[in-house]
Protein backbone atom coordinates (compact mmCIF):
# COMPACT_ATOMS: atom_id res chain seq x y z
CA MET A 1 94.96 162.87 -143.33
CA ARG A 2 96.13 159.34 -143.80
CA ASP A 3 94.48 156.16 -144.03
CA ILE A 4 96.47 153.90 -142.08
CA VAL A 5 95.84 150.62 -140.79
CA PRO A 6 98.85 149.38 -139.22
CA ALA A 7 98.93 146.33 -139.09
CA PHE A 8 100.50 145.96 -138.15
CA ALA A 9 101.59 145.31 -139.60
CA LEU A 10 103.00 144.05 -139.52
CA ILE A 11 104.29 141.40 -140.41
CA ALA A 12 106.87 139.34 -139.96
CA THR A 13 107.11 140.04 -136.61
CA LEU A 14 106.41 137.82 -133.97
CA ALA A 15 105.83 137.36 -130.29
CA VAL A 16 103.62 136.10 -127.56
CA THR A 17 103.52 135.04 -123.90
CA ALA A 18 106.46 132.75 -123.13
CA ALA A 19 105.81 129.27 -121.82
CA PRO A 20 106.53 129.08 -118.17
CA ALA A 21 109.25 126.41 -118.06
CA SER A 22 111.08 127.10 -121.39
CA ALA A 23 113.17 129.83 -123.06
CA GLY A 24 111.34 132.24 -125.26
CA TRP A 25 112.05 135.54 -127.07
CA THR A 26 110.95 138.92 -126.00
CA LEU A 27 110.74 141.88 -128.34
CA ASP A 28 113.26 144.77 -127.64
CA PRO A 29 111.17 147.95 -128.57
CA GLU A 30 114.23 150.25 -128.46
CA HIS A 31 115.69 148.28 -131.38
CA SER A 32 112.50 147.68 -133.32
CA ALA A 33 110.15 149.69 -135.61
CA ILE A 34 106.94 149.25 -137.42
CA THR A 35 106.17 151.79 -140.19
CA TYR A 36 103.41 152.26 -142.79
CA VAL A 37 103.00 154.44 -145.76
CA SER A 38 99.76 156.42 -146.46
CA ILE A 39 99.14 157.75 -149.84
CA LYS A 40 96.94 160.86 -150.32
CA SER A 41 95.89 162.77 -153.44
CA LYS A 42 96.65 159.71 -155.67
CA ASP A 43 100.39 159.90 -155.55
CA ILE A 44 101.68 161.58 -152.46
CA PRO A 45 103.22 159.09 -150.00
CA GLU A 46 103.97 159.85 -146.28
CA ASN A 47 105.72 157.70 -143.82
CA ASN A 48 104.31 156.98 -140.34
CA TYR A 49 105.07 154.85 -137.51
CA PHE A 50 104.19 153.74 -133.92
CA HIS A 51 106.15 154.59 -130.78
CA GLU A 52 105.11 151.76 -128.59
CA MET A 53 104.90 147.88 -129.06
CA ARG A 54 105.50 144.72 -127.28
CA GLY A 55 105.84 141.07 -128.16
CA GLN A 56 107.17 137.60 -127.53
CA ILE A 57 107.88 134.32 -129.25
CA ASP A 58 107.21 131.26 -126.93
CA ASP A 59 109.07 127.92 -127.04
CA ARG A 60 106.25 126.43 -129.26
CA GLY A 61 106.70 129.03 -131.97
CA GLN A 62 103.51 130.89 -131.07
CA ALA A 63 104.09 134.59 -131.71
CA THR A 64 102.38 137.81 -130.88
CA LEU A 65 103.02 141.42 -131.73
CA ILE A 66 101.05 144.10 -129.89
CA LEU A 67 100.87 147.57 -131.20
CA MET A 68 99.75 150.56 -128.99
CA LEU A 69 97.49 152.59 -131.30
CA ASP A 70 97.67 155.61 -129.15
CA SER A 71 101.35 155.91 -130.08
CA VAL A 72 100.75 156.61 -133.82
CA GLU A 73 103.13 159.18 -135.08
CA THR A 74 102.36 161.10 -138.34
CA LEU A 75 104.68 164.12 -137.49
CA ILE A 76 101.71 166.40 -137.25
CA PRO A 77 99.90 166.73 -133.86
CA ILE A 78 96.45 167.44 -135.02
CA ARG A 79 96.65 164.62 -137.44
CA ASN A 80 97.75 162.20 -134.63
CA GLU A 81 94.79 163.27 -132.69
CA ARG A 82 92.52 162.55 -135.65
CA MET A 83 94.03 159.26 -136.33
CA ARG A 84 93.51 158.26 -132.63
CA GLU A 85 89.86 159.50 -132.45
CA ILE A 86 88.56 158.92 -135.86
CA LEU A 87 90.41 156.07 -137.36
CA PHE A 88 91.49 153.89 -134.48
CA GLU A 89 88.97 155.02 -131.96
CA THR A 90 91.59 154.31 -129.21
CA ALA A 91 89.02 155.30 -126.53
CA ASN A 92 87.53 151.77 -127.24
CA TYR A 93 90.39 149.99 -129.07
CA LYS A 94 93.83 150.45 -127.44
CA GLU A 95 95.75 147.79 -129.30
CA ALA A 96 96.22 146.04 -132.67
CA THR A 97 97.49 142.45 -132.32
CA LEU A 98 99.30 140.21 -134.85
CA LYS A 99 99.68 136.53 -134.11
CA ALA A 100 101.53 133.86 -136.11
CA GLN A 101 102.85 130.33 -135.68
CA VAL A 102 106.36 129.37 -136.79
CA ASP A 103 108.49 126.34 -136.41
CA PRO A 104 110.17 126.67 -133.03
CA LYS A 105 113.16 124.57 -134.17
CA LEU A 106 114.13 127.46 -136.53
CA PHE A 107 115.48 129.55 -133.74
CA SER A 108 117.75 126.79 -132.20
CA GLU A 109 119.05 125.79 -135.59
CA LEU A 110 119.95 129.27 -136.84
CA ALA A 111 123.74 129.97 -136.43
CA PRO A 112 124.99 133.57 -135.61
CA GLY A 113 125.08 135.53 -138.77
CA GLN A 114 122.65 133.15 -140.58
CA VAL A 115 119.47 134.45 -142.22
CA LYS A 116 116.43 132.51 -143.43
CA ARG A 117 113.34 133.59 -145.36
CA LEU A 118 110.12 132.12 -144.07
CA ALA A 119 106.38 132.29 -144.77
CA ALA A 120 103.66 132.10 -142.06
CA GLU A 121 99.96 132.46 -141.84
CA GLY A 122 99.00 135.24 -139.31
CA GLN A 123 95.85 136.84 -137.95
CA LEU A 124 95.61 140.64 -137.40
CA SER A 125 93.08 141.94 -134.93
CA LEU A 126 92.31 145.69 -135.34
CA ARG A 127 89.38 147.63 -134.01
CA GLY A 128 87.22 144.69 -133.29
CA GLN A 129 87.95 142.91 -136.60
CA THR A 130 90.32 139.97 -137.23
CA GLN A 131 91.59 139.03 -140.72
CA ASN A 132 93.99 136.39 -141.95
CA LEU A 133 97.30 137.50 -143.45
CA THR A 134 100.03 135.64 -145.28
CA LEU A 135 103.49 136.88 -143.96
CA SER A 136 106.79 136.74 -145.61
CA PHE A 137 109.78 137.57 -143.42
CA LEU A 138 113.43 137.14 -142.78
CA VAL A 139 114.78 135.75 -139.48
CA GLY A 140 118.47 136.20 -138.65
CA ARG A 141 120.43 135.35 -135.55
CA LEU A 142 122.57 138.29 -134.49
CA ASP A 143 124.27 136.48 -131.72
CA LYS A 144 123.71 133.78 -129.20
CA ASP A 145 120.93 135.67 -127.38
CA ARG A 146 119.39 137.93 -130.05
CA LEU A 147 117.35 137.46 -133.25
CA MET A 148 116.36 139.93 -135.92
CA VAL A 149 112.98 139.57 -137.63
CA ALA A 150 112.00 141.76 -140.59
CA THR A 151 109.23 141.66 -143.30
CA ALA A 152 110.69 140.45 -146.57
CA GLU A 153 108.00 142.23 -148.32
CA PRO A 154 105.36 144.79 -147.08
CA VAL A 155 102.27 143.51 -145.53
CA LEU A 156 99.25 145.10 -147.33
CA ILE A 157 96.37 146.20 -145.15
CA GLN A 158 92.99 146.93 -146.69
CA ALA A 159 90.94 149.46 -144.72
CA GLY A 160 87.65 147.91 -145.87
CA LYS A 161 88.43 144.58 -144.43
CA PHE A 162 88.50 146.08 -140.90
CA SER A 163 85.41 148.26 -141.49
CA LEU A 164 87.57 151.35 -141.64
CA SER A 165 86.34 152.78 -145.01
CA PRO A 166 83.97 155.32 -143.40
CA ALA A 167 86.68 156.57 -141.01
CA VAL A 168 89.04 157.00 -143.97
CA GLU A 169 86.43 158.93 -145.82
CA LYS A 170 85.83 161.17 -142.85
CA LEU A 171 89.62 161.96 -142.58
CA ARG A 172 89.61 162.69 -146.31
CA GLU A 173 86.77 165.22 -145.91
CA ILE A 174 88.24 166.86 -142.95
CA ALA A 175 91.66 167.41 -144.69
CA GLY A 176 90.06 168.51 -147.91
CA LEU A 177 91.83 165.86 -149.98
CA PRO A 178 90.72 164.45 -153.21
CA SER A 179 91.67 160.87 -152.14
CA ILE A 180 93.31 158.75 -149.41
CA SER A 181 94.23 155.24 -150.48
CA GLU A 182 92.68 152.47 -148.54
CA ALA A 183 95.57 150.11 -149.15
CA VAL A 184 98.39 150.51 -146.79
CA PRO A 185 101.80 148.84 -146.98
CA VAL A 186 103.27 148.04 -143.54
CA THR A 187 106.88 146.96 -142.69
CA PHE A 188 108.42 145.71 -139.64
CA VAL A 189 111.97 145.09 -138.20
CA GLY A 190 112.40 143.87 -134.67
CA THR A 191 115.01 142.64 -132.32
CA PHE A 192 114.12 139.78 -130.03
CA VAL A 193 116.12 138.90 -126.92
CA GLN A 194 116.26 135.39 -125.49
CA THR A 195 114.25 134.92 -122.32
CA PRO A 196 116.01 132.62 -119.86
CA ALA A 197 114.15 129.49 -119.06
CA LYS A 198 112.57 129.36 -115.60
CA THR A 199 113.89 126.79 -113.25
CA GLN A 200 111.48 124.18 -111.96
């Protein structure tokens, strides 16, 4: 099957709970996507993705992206089931969470049509483990109330750093494959809609 550790990841994606009295940004899942590539038998790549995610960016620039692991899609039902049960253990771990801090002034300074490349330090929490990640992403303002955030380069997730190596090996044995890569590139593109500030 596939190794896969989303990460979620992600990556350049943001979001979190909006501050009560200020405007923030909320992820529009219908116009967003997070995908990863699993590589089996040394050189056979396969695209995978997740159906469900949510996220926000608050007025302080604190961002959080939450990925629902049950929504993994590998295009093969039995493989989806094995991913949920063996790799992600979704009975115990429902979500993967990526958090990052960015300069909140960026969003107010961006003009419609303008795009900036940024770097940020993030933390990915997956199946009870948390690891630091360096994120490189593009932020563009689509119009007055919408932002686009996308990874400028894939986020590389290492299965071993999240104690997933035994699960990847089990998937390999079940599938009868010579190998499954433990390094997974993850890409993200998301649309964020401005959340109106709450009145006092």
